[in-house]
Each structure stands twice: as C-alpha cells, then as structure tokens.
Amino acid sequence: MYIAIKHIHLTTVVLSISFFLLRAAWVFLKPAMMEKRWVKILPHIIDTALLASAITLAVVLQQYPFVDHWLTAKLLALCLYIVLGTIALKRGKTQLIKTSALMGSILTFSYIVAVAITHSPLPWG
C-alpha cells in the first residue's frame, strides 16, 4: 500500500509543478489560455489528489507536521509556494512582480523537494 500511495504522490507532484509551469508560460505568452474552463479546474483536481496522497502518507508513516520538523518545514514552504504561485499566475500587478513571484515559487518548490528527499528542514546545510 505504501508504494502505491508514494507513487500517486510523486506522480501528482510532477503533474502539479508541470501544469503550474505551463500556466506560468501562458500568463506571459498566451494569456487567453488562462480563461479556459479546464485550465481553471484541472489544478484543483491534481492538487486535491496531491494533498490526499500526502495526508495518507503521513498517516501510514505516522509522521506528522508539528511533530516531525521536516514535515513542518514542507508544510510551511507549501504555504509560501501557494502564495507566490497565486501572485505569479493571478494577483501580480506587473510583469516584474509576476516574474519575481514565479522565481520565488520555483525556488520554494526546489526547497520542498530537497526537504522531502533528505527529511531535513535544512537540506543544504
């Protein structure tokens, strides 16, 4: 069961970041694509599956945020990633703000992956 859940989690991570980057490209190059109904719905489906698999993994492994420091770091970084992603895709008023938020979200995503691999809140330290 663990392997299947982990596989679902990793697959949804790849789908989530891939679709995020595609939408970021559309924001700058083809903004009309962002108005398509499926473009607005699909991220919620992917991210719901991602969150469900993450919660299931936490329960199966009996490792929880605010108990295990690396999961706390991932959760807090995920919150930052969501805020930066929202600025990059929707709320940023200028191209500079959107670009800066996009770069910040990519760096934050990289941090989340590093924490997940090392199980350390300081993966590069």
N, C-alpha and C. Protein backbone atom coordinates (compact mmCIF):
# COMPACT_ATOMS: atom_id res chain seq x y z
N MET A 1 0.82 -1.20 0.00
CA MET A 1 0.00 0.00 0.00
C MET A 1 0.87 1.27 0.00
N TYR A 2 1.93 1.25 0.80
CA TYR A 2 2.80 2.42 0.88
C TYR A 2 3.37 2.79 -0.49
N ILE A 3 3.85 1.80 -1.23
CA ILE A 3 4.46 2.07 -2.54
C ILE A 3 3.44 2.70 -3.49
N ALA A 4 2.22 2.21 -3.48
CA ALA A 4 1.18 2.76 -4.36
C ALA A 4 0.88 4.21 -4.00
N ILE A 5 0.75 4.50 -2.72
CA ILE A 5 0.45 5.87 -2.29
C ILE A 5 1.62 6.80 -2.62
N LYS A 6 2.83 6.32 -2.38
CA LYS A 6 4.01 7.13 -2.70
C LYS A 6 4.07 7.40 -4.20
N HIS A 7 3.76 6.40 -5.00
CA HIS A 7 3.75 6.58 -6.46
C HIS A 7 2.71 7.62 -6.88
N ILE A 8 1.52 7.55 -6.30
CA ILE A 8 0.48 8.53 -6.59
C ILE A 8 0.95 9.93 -6.18
N HIS A 9 1.57 10.02 -5.01
CA HIS A 9 2.05 11.30 -4.52
C HIS A 9 3.11 11.89 -5.46
N LEU A 10 4.09 11.09 -5.82
CA LEU A 10 5.15 11.58 -6.70
C LEU A 10 4.62 11.94 -8.09
N THR A 11 3.67 11.16 -8.58
CA THR A 11 3.07 11.46 -9.88
C THR A 11 2.31 12.78 -9.83
N THR A 12 1.56 13.00 -8.77
CA THR A 12 0.80 14.25 -8.67
C THR A 12 1.72 15.45 -8.42
N VAL A 13 2.86 15.23 -7.77
CA VAL A 13 3.85 16.31 -7.62
C VAL A 13 4.33 16.75 -9.00
N VAL A 14 4.70 15.77 -9.83
CA VAL A 14 5.19 16.08 -11.18
C VAL A 14 4.09 16.76 -12.01
N LEU A 15 2.88 16.24 -11.93
CA LEU A 15 1.77 16.86 -12.67
C LEU A 15 1.51 18.29 -12.18
N SER A 16 1.54 18.48 -10.88
CA SER A 16 1.26 19.79 -10.31
C SER A 16 2.28 20.84 -10.75
N ILE A 17 3.56 20.53 -10.61
CA ILE A 17 4.58 21.51 -10.98
C ILE A 17 4.62 21.71 -12.49
N SER A 18 4.41 20.64 -13.26
CA SER A 18 4.41 20.76 -14.72
C SER A 18 3.29 21.66 -15.19
N PHE A 19 2.10 21.46 -14.65
CA PHE A 19 0.97 22.28 -15.06
C PHE A 19 1.11 23.71 -14.55
N PHE A 20 1.71 23.87 -13.38
CA PHE A 20 1.98 25.22 -12.87
C PHE A 20 2.91 25.97 -13.83
N LEU A 21 3.99 25.32 -14.25
CA LEU A 21 4.94 25.97 -15.16
C LEU A 21 4.31 26.26 -16.52
N LEU A 22 3.45 25.36 -16.99
CA LEU A 22 2.75 25.60 -18.26
C LEU A 22 1.83 26.81 -18.13
N ARG A 23 1.09 26.88 -17.03
CA ARG A 23 0.22 28.04 -16.81
C ARG A 23 1.03 29.32 -16.68
N ALA A 24 2.19 29.24 -16.03
CA ALA A 24 3.04 30.43 -15.92
C ALA A 24 3.48 30.90 -17.31
N ALA A 25 3.82 29.97 -18.17
CA ALA A 25 4.19 30.34 -19.54
C ALA A 25 3.01 31.00 -20.24
N TRP A 26 1.82 30.45 -20.05
CA TRP A 26 0.63 31.02 -20.68
C TRP A 26 0.34 32.42 -20.17
N VAL A 27 0.59 32.67 -18.88
CA VAL A 27 0.36 34.01 -18.33
C VAL A 27 1.15 35.04 -19.13
N PHE A 28 2.37 34.69 -19.50
CA PHE A 28 3.24 35.64 -20.20
C PHE A 28 3.07 35.59 -21.72
N LEU A 29 2.80 34.41 -22.27
CA LEU A 29 2.82 34.25 -23.72
C LEU A 29 1.45 34.11 -24.38
N LYS A 30 0.50 33.52 -23.67
CA LYS A 30 -0.84 33.26 -24.23
C LYS A 30 -1.89 33.43 -23.15
N PRO A 31 -2.09 34.64 -22.65
CA PRO A 31 -2.97 34.86 -21.51
C PRO A 31 -4.40 34.35 -21.70
N ALA A 32 -4.87 34.28 -22.93
CA ALA A 32 -6.23 33.81 -23.17
C ALA A 32 -6.42 32.36 -22.72
N MET A 33 -5.36 31.58 -22.71
CA MET A 33 -5.45 30.18 -22.27
C MET A 33 -5.85 30.09 -20.80
N MET A 34 -5.50 31.09 -20.03
CA MET A 34 -5.81 31.08 -18.60
C MET A 34 -7.31 31.21 -18.33
N GLU A 35 -8.07 31.61 -19.34
CA GLU A 35 -9.51 31.76 -19.19
C GLU A 35 -10.29 30.49 -19.52
N LYS A 36 -9.63 29.50 -20.07
CA LYS A 36 -10.30 28.24 -20.41
C LYS A 36 -10.77 27.55 -19.13
N ARG A 37 -11.96 26.99 -19.22
CA ARG A 37 -12.57 26.36 -18.03
C ARG A 37 -11.70 25.22 -17.49
N TRP A 38 -11.19 24.37 -18.38
CA TRP A 38 -10.40 23.22 -17.93
C TRP A 38 -9.09 23.66 -17.29
N VAL A 39 -8.56 24.79 -17.71
CA VAL A 39 -7.32 25.30 -17.12
C VAL A 39 -7.57 25.78 -15.69
N LYS A 40 -8.77 26.23 -15.43
CA LYS A 40 -9.12 26.67 -14.08
C LYS A 40 -9.47 25.50 -13.16
N ILE A 41 -9.98 24.40 -13.72
CA ILE A 41 -10.44 23.26 -12.92
C ILE A 41 -9.35 22.23 -12.66
N LEU A 42 -8.55 21.91 -13.68
CA LEU A 42 -7.56 20.83 -13.57
C LEU A 42 -6.58 20.99 -12.41
N PRO A 43 -6.07 22.19 -12.12
CA PRO A 43 -5.13 22.30 -10.99
C PRO A 43 -5.76 21.87 -9.66
N HIS A 44 -7.04 22.14 -9.50
CA HIS A 44 -7.72 21.76 -8.25
C HIS A 44 -7.84 20.25 -8.12
N ILE A 45 -8.08 19.59 -9.23
CA ILE A 45 -8.17 18.12 -9.22
C ILE A 45 -6.80 17.52 -8.89
N ILE A 46 -5.77 18.00 -9.57
CA ILE A 46 -4.41 17.49 -9.34
C ILE A 46 -3.99 17.77 -7.90
N ASP A 47 -4.18 18.99 -7.44
CA ASP A 47 -3.70 19.35 -6.11
C ASP A 47 -4.50 18.68 -5.00
N THR A 48 -5.77 18.36 -5.26
CA THR A 48 -6.56 17.61 -4.28
C THR A 48 -6.00 16.19 -4.15
N ALA A 49 -5.68 15.57 -5.28
CA ALA A 49 -5.07 14.24 -5.25
C ALA A 49 -3.70 14.28 -4.56
N LEU A 50 -2.95 15.34 -4.82
CA LEU A 50 -1.64 15.51 -4.18
C LEU A 50 -1.78 15.64 -2.67
N LEU A 51 -2.70 16.47 -2.23
CA LEU A 51 -2.92 16.66 -0.79
C LEU A 51 -3.44 15.39 -0.13
N ALA A 52 -4.36 14.71 -0.78
CA ALA A 52 -4.91 13.45 -0.23
C ALA A 52 -3.81 12.40 -0.09
N SER A 53 -2.95 12.30 -1.08
CA SER A 53 -1.87 11.32 -1.00
C SER A 53 -0.85 11.72 0.07
N ALA A 54 -0.61 13.02 0.24
CA ALA A 54 0.31 13.47 1.28
C ALA A 54 -0.22 13.15 2.67
N ILE A 55 -1.50 13.41 2.88
CA ILE A 55 -2.11 13.12 4.18
C ILE A 55 -2.09 11.61 4.43
N THR A 56 -2.41 10.84 3.42
CA THR A 56 -2.40 9.38 3.56
C THR A 56 -1.00 8.87 3.89
N LEU A 57 0.01 9.41 3.22
CA LEU A 57 1.39 9.01 3.53
C LEU A 57 1.76 9.36 4.97
N ALA A 58 1.37 10.54 5.41
CA ALA A 58 1.67 10.94 6.79
C ALA A 58 1.04 9.97 7.79
N VAL A 59 -0.19 9.57 7.54
CA VAL A 59 -0.87 8.64 8.44
C VAL A 59 -0.23 7.26 8.39
N VAL A 60 0.04 6.77 7.18
CA VAL A 60 0.66 5.44 7.02
C VAL A 60 2.03 5.40 7.70
N LEU A 61 2.82 6.46 7.50
CA LEU A 61 4.17 6.50 8.06
C LEU A 61 4.20 6.98 9.52
N GLN A 62 3.07 7.46 10.00
CA GLN A 62 2.96 8.02 11.34
C GLN A 62 3.99 9.13 11.57
N GLN A 63 4.08 10.00 10.57
CA GLN A 63 4.93 11.19 10.66
C GLN A 63 4.03 12.39 10.35
N TYR A 64 4.07 13.39 11.21
CA TYR A 64 3.10 14.48 11.12
C TYR A 64 3.76 15.84 11.24
N PRO A 65 3.19 16.84 10.52
CA PRO A 65 3.68 18.21 10.71
C PRO A 65 3.50 18.63 12.17
N PHE A 66 4.38 19.45 12.64
CA PHE A 66 4.43 19.98 14.00
C PHE A 66 4.85 18.90 15.01
N VAL A 67 5.15 17.71 14.51
CA VAL A 67 5.79 16.66 15.31
C VAL A 67 7.15 16.36 14.69
N ASP A 68 7.13 16.13 13.39
CA ASP A 68 8.36 15.88 12.64
C ASP A 68 8.76 17.18 11.93
N HIS A 69 9.94 17.68 12.27
CA HIS A 69 10.37 19.01 11.80
C HIS A 69 10.42 19.12 10.28
N TRP A 70 10.83 18.06 9.61
CA TRP A 70 10.94 18.15 8.16
C TRP A 70 9.55 18.30 7.51
N LEU A 71 8.54 17.68 8.08
CA LEU A 71 7.18 17.84 7.55
C LEU A 71 6.62 19.23 7.87
N THR A 72 6.99 19.76 9.01
CA THR A 72 6.60 21.13 9.34
C THR A 72 7.21 22.09 8.32
N ALA A 73 8.48 21.89 8.00
CA ALA A 73 9.15 22.74 7.01
C ALA A 73 8.48 22.62 5.65
N LYS A 74 8.13 21.41 5.25
CA LYS A 74 7.44 21.21 3.97
C LYS A 74 6.09 21.92 3.96
N LEU A 75 5.34 21.80 5.04
CA LEU A 75 4.02 22.41 5.10
C LEU A 75 4.11 23.94 5.04
N LEU A 76 5.03 24.51 5.79
CA LEU A 76 5.19 25.97 5.77
C LEU A 76 5.68 26.45 4.41
N ALA A 77 6.60 25.69 3.81
CA ALA A 77 7.09 26.05 2.48
C ALA A 77 5.98 25.91 1.45
N LEU A 78 5.12 24.92 1.62
CA LEU A 78 3.98 24.76 0.71
C LEU A 78 3.06 25.98 0.77
N CYS A 79 2.84 26.50 1.95
CA CYS A 79 2.02 27.72 2.10
C CYS A 79 2.65 28.88 1.34
N LEU A 80 3.96 29.04 1.47
CA LEU A 80 4.68 30.09 0.74
C LEU A 80 4.58 29.87 -0.76
N TYR A 81 4.75 28.62 -1.20
CA TYR A 81 4.66 28.27 -2.61
C TYR A 81 3.28 28.65 -3.18
N ILE A 82 2.24 28.37 -2.42
CA ILE A 82 0.87 28.69 -2.87
C ILE A 82 0.69 30.21 -3.00
N VAL A 83 1.16 30.96 -2.01
CA VAL A 83 1.05 32.42 -2.06
C VAL A 83 1.82 32.98 -3.26
N LEU A 84 3.06 32.54 -3.41
CA LEU A 84 3.87 33.03 -4.53
C LEU A 84 3.27 32.62 -5.88
N GLY A 85 2.76 31.40 -5.95
CA GLY A 85 2.15 30.93 -7.19
C GLY A 85 0.91 31.74 -7.55
N THR A 86 0.13 32.09 -6.56
CA THR A 86 -1.06 32.91 -6.80
C THR A 86 -0.67 34.29 -7.31
N ILE A 87 0.38 34.84 -6.76
CA ILE A 87 0.87 36.15 -7.23
C ILE A 87 1.38 36.02 -8.67
N ALA A 88 2.12 34.95 -8.94
CA ALA A 88 2.69 34.76 -10.27
C ALA A 88 1.61 34.56 -11.34
N LEU A 89 0.56 33.82 -11.00
CA LEU A 89 -0.44 33.49 -12.01
C LEU A 89 -1.64 34.43 -12.05
N LYS A 90 -1.97 35.07 -10.93
CA LYS A 90 -3.22 35.84 -10.89
C LYS A 90 -3.06 37.25 -10.33
N ARG A 91 -2.46 37.36 -9.18
CA ARG A 91 -2.57 38.59 -8.41
C ARG A 91 -1.47 39.62 -8.68
N GLY A 92 -0.39 39.20 -9.31
CA GLY A 92 0.69 40.15 -9.60
C GLY A 92 0.23 41.24 -10.54
N LYS A 93 0.50 42.48 -10.19
CA LYS A 93 0.01 43.62 -10.97
C LYS A 93 0.91 43.95 -12.16
N THR A 94 2.19 43.63 -12.06
CA THR A 94 3.13 43.94 -13.14
C THR A 94 3.88 42.68 -13.55
N GLN A 95 4.51 42.75 -14.70
CA GLN A 95 5.33 41.62 -15.18
C GLN A 95 6.48 41.34 -14.21
N LEU A 96 7.06 42.40 -13.66
CA LEU A 96 8.17 42.22 -12.72
C LEU A 96 7.70 41.48 -11.46
N ILE A 97 6.56 41.87 -10.95
CA ILE A 97 6.03 41.20 -9.75
C ILE A 97 5.72 39.74 -10.06
N LYS A 98 5.08 39.49 -11.20
CA LYS A 98 4.75 38.13 -11.59
C LYS A 98 6.01 37.29 -11.79
N THR A 99 6.99 37.84 -12.45
CA THR A 99 8.24 37.12 -12.70
C THR A 99 8.97 36.83 -11.39
N SER A 100 9.03 37.81 -10.52
CA SER A 100 9.69 37.62 -9.22
C SER A 100 8.98 36.54 -8.40
N ALA A 101 7.66 36.57 -8.39
CA ALA A 101 6.89 35.56 -7.67
C ALA A 101 7.09 34.19 -8.29
N LEU A 102 7.16 34.12 -9.61
CA LEU A 102 7.41 32.84 -10.29
C LEU A 102 8.77 32.28 -9.88
N MET A 103 9.79 33.11 -9.89
CA MET A 103 11.13 32.64 -9.49
C MET A 103 11.12 32.20 -8.03
N GLY A 104 10.45 32.95 -7.18
CA GLY A 104 10.35 32.57 -5.77
C GLY A 104 9.61 31.26 -5.59
N SER A 105 8.56 31.06 -6.37
CA SER A 105 7.81 29.81 -6.24
C SER A 105 8.64 28.62 -6.72
N ILE A 106 9.43 28.79 -7.76
CA ILE A 106 10.29 27.71 -8.25
C ILE A 106 11.36 27.38 -7.20
N LEU A 107 11.95 28.40 -6.60
CA LEU A 107 12.94 28.16 -5.54
C LEU A 107 12.30 27.47 -4.34
N THR A 108 11.09 27.88 -4.00
CA THR A 108 10.38 27.27 -2.87
C THR A 108 10.05 25.82 -3.18
N PHE A 109 9.61 25.54 -4.39
CA PHE A 109 9.33 24.16 -4.80
C PHE A 109 10.61 23.32 -4.69
N SER A 110 11.73 23.87 -5.13
CA SER A 110 13.01 23.15 -5.04
C SER A 110 13.36 22.83 -3.59
N TYR A 111 13.11 23.78 -2.71
CA TYR A 111 13.34 23.55 -1.28
C TYR A 111 12.45 22.42 -0.78
N ILE A 112 11.17 22.42 -1.15
CA ILE A 112 10.25 21.38 -0.71
C ILE A 112 10.74 20.00 -1.16
N VAL A 113 11.18 19.90 -2.39
CA VAL A 113 11.71 18.62 -2.90
C VAL A 113 12.95 18.20 -2.12
N ALA A 114 13.84 19.14 -1.87
CA ALA A 114 15.07 18.82 -1.12
C ALA A 114 14.74 18.35 0.29
N VAL A 115 13.79 18.99 0.94
CA VAL A 115 13.37 18.57 2.28
C VAL A 115 12.76 17.17 2.22
N ALA A 116 11.96 16.90 1.21
CA ALA A 116 11.34 15.59 1.07
C ALA A 116 12.39 14.49 0.88
N ILE A 117 13.42 14.79 0.13
CA ILE A 117 14.47 13.79 -0.14
C ILE A 117 15.33 13.55 1.10
N THR A 118 15.70 14.62 1.79
CA THR A 118 16.64 14.49 2.92
C THR A 118 15.97 14.28 4.27
N HIS A 119 14.67 14.57 4.34
CA HIS A 119 13.93 14.55 5.62
C HIS A 119 14.57 15.49 6.63
N SER A 120 15.06 16.60 6.10
CA SER A 120 15.69 17.61 6.96
C SER A 120 15.16 18.99 6.58
N PRO A 121 14.82 19.82 7.57
CA PRO A 121 14.39 21.18 7.26
C PRO A 121 15.52 22.06 6.73
N LEU A 122 16.76 21.59 6.90
CA LEU A 122 17.93 22.29 6.37
C LEU A 122 18.66 21.37 5.40
N PRO A 123 18.06 21.14 4.23
CA PRO A 123 18.59 20.10 3.33
C PRO A 123 19.95 20.42 2.73
N TRP A 124 20.33 21.71 2.71
CA TRP A 124 21.60 22.07 2.12
C TRP A 124 22.63 22.47 3.17
N GLY A 125 22.28 22.24 4.43
CA GLY A 125 23.16 22.70 5.50
C GLY A 125 24.02 21.65 6.11
